[in-house]
Amino acid sequence: MMDTMNTSIPWGLIAPLIILQLILAVVGLISLYKAEATRGPKWLWVIIILCGNILGSVAYFIIGRKDAS
C-alpha cells in the first residue's frame, strides 16, 4: 500500500504573503494614479505592479516614483 502523503496547503504561511501582495498592489496603483510624473510610462508601471507580484510594487516605490521636489 502507498503511504498517504500530507498534501495540505500551509495557509498559515501563504495567506499573509497573499494579503501583503494585494495591499502593496492596491497602494501602488493608487499612488501611481495620483502621481503627476513617473520614471517611465504609467501603463508600463501598471503592468509591472500587477504582474511583478510583491517585487513589482516594491520596484515602483523605489524606482518608479519621482521626488516631489
Protein backbone atom coordinates (compact mmCIF):
# COMPACT_ATOMS: atom_id res chain seq x y z
CA MET A 1 0.00 0.00 0.00
CA MET A 2 1.11 3.54 -0.68
CA ASP A 3 1.60 5.86 2.23
CA THR A 4 -0.74 8.78 2.26
CA MET A 5 1.26 11.97 1.82
CA ASN A 6 0.22 15.12 3.60
CA THR A 7 -0.53 17.48 0.73
CA SER A 8 -2.38 20.12 2.70
CA ILE A 9 -1.51 23.70 1.86
CA PRO A 10 0.16 25.66 4.70
CA TRP A 11 -2.33 28.56 4.62
CA GLY A 12 -0.82 29.99 7.79
CA LEU A 13 2.30 30.81 5.77
CA ILE A 14 0.78 31.59 2.39
CA ALA A 15 -2.19 33.78 3.42
CA PRO A 16 -0.07 36.64 4.89
CA LEU A 17 2.01 36.77 1.69
CA ILE A 18 -1.11 36.94 -0.47
CA ILE A 19 -2.56 39.69 1.71
CA LEU A 20 0.74 41.62 1.62
CA GLN A 21 0.86 41.30 -2.17
CA LEU A 22 -2.71 42.59 -2.56
CA ILE A 23 -2.13 45.52 -0.20
CA LEU A 24 1.10 46.53 -1.95
CA ALA A 25 -0.55 46.28 -5.38
CA VAL A 26 -3.56 48.39 -4.36
CA VAL A 27 -1.43 51.04 -2.62
CA GLY A 28 1.00 51.07 -5.57
CA LEU A 29 -1.78 51.51 -8.11
CA ILE A 30 -3.39 54.30 -6.08
CA SER A 31 -0.03 56.03 -5.74
CA LEU A 32 0.60 55.63 -9.48
CA TYR A 33 -2.84 57.05 -10.30
CA LYS A 34 -2.22 60.12 -8.14
CA ALA A 35 1.35 60.69 -9.36
CA GLU A 36 1.82 63.55 -11.80
CA ALA A 37 5.07 62.14 -13.20
CA THR A 38 6.87 58.82 -13.02
CA ARG A 39 10.12 57.42 -14.30
CA GLY A 40 8.76 55.70 -17.39
CA PRO A 41 5.25 55.41 -18.81
CA LYS A 42 2.43 54.81 -16.37
CA TRP A 43 0.98 51.94 -18.41
CA LEU A 44 4.26 50.06 -18.03
CA TRP A 45 4.25 50.56 -14.25
CA VAL A 46 0.68 49.20 -14.10
CA ILE A 47 1.89 46.01 -15.81
CA ILE A 48 4.94 45.77 -13.54
CA ILE A 49 2.87 46.27 -10.38
CA LEU A 50 0.20 43.75 -11.40
CA CYS A 51 2.46 41.07 -12.89
CA GLY A 52 5.54 41.53 -10.74
CA ASN A 53 3.87 40.37 -7.55
CA ILE A 54 5.48 41.84 -4.43
CA LEU A 55 8.70 42.82 -6.21
CA GLY A 56 6.81 44.81 -8.87
CA SER A 57 5.19 47.03 -6.25
CA VAL A 58 8.44 47.46 -4.35
CA ALA A 59 10.25 48.35 -7.61
CA TYR A 60 7.66 51.05 -8.31
CA PHE A 61 8.10 52.61 -4.88
CA ILE A 62 11.90 52.54 -5.12
CA ILE A 63 12.49 53.31 -8.82
CA GLY A 64 9.27 54.50 -10.44
CA ARG A 65 8.19 57.41 -8.28
CA LYS A 66 9.72 60.80 -8.89
CA ASP A 67 10.53 63.04 -5.96
CA ALA A 68 8.07 65.82 -5.24
CA SER A 69 10.84 68.43 -5.38
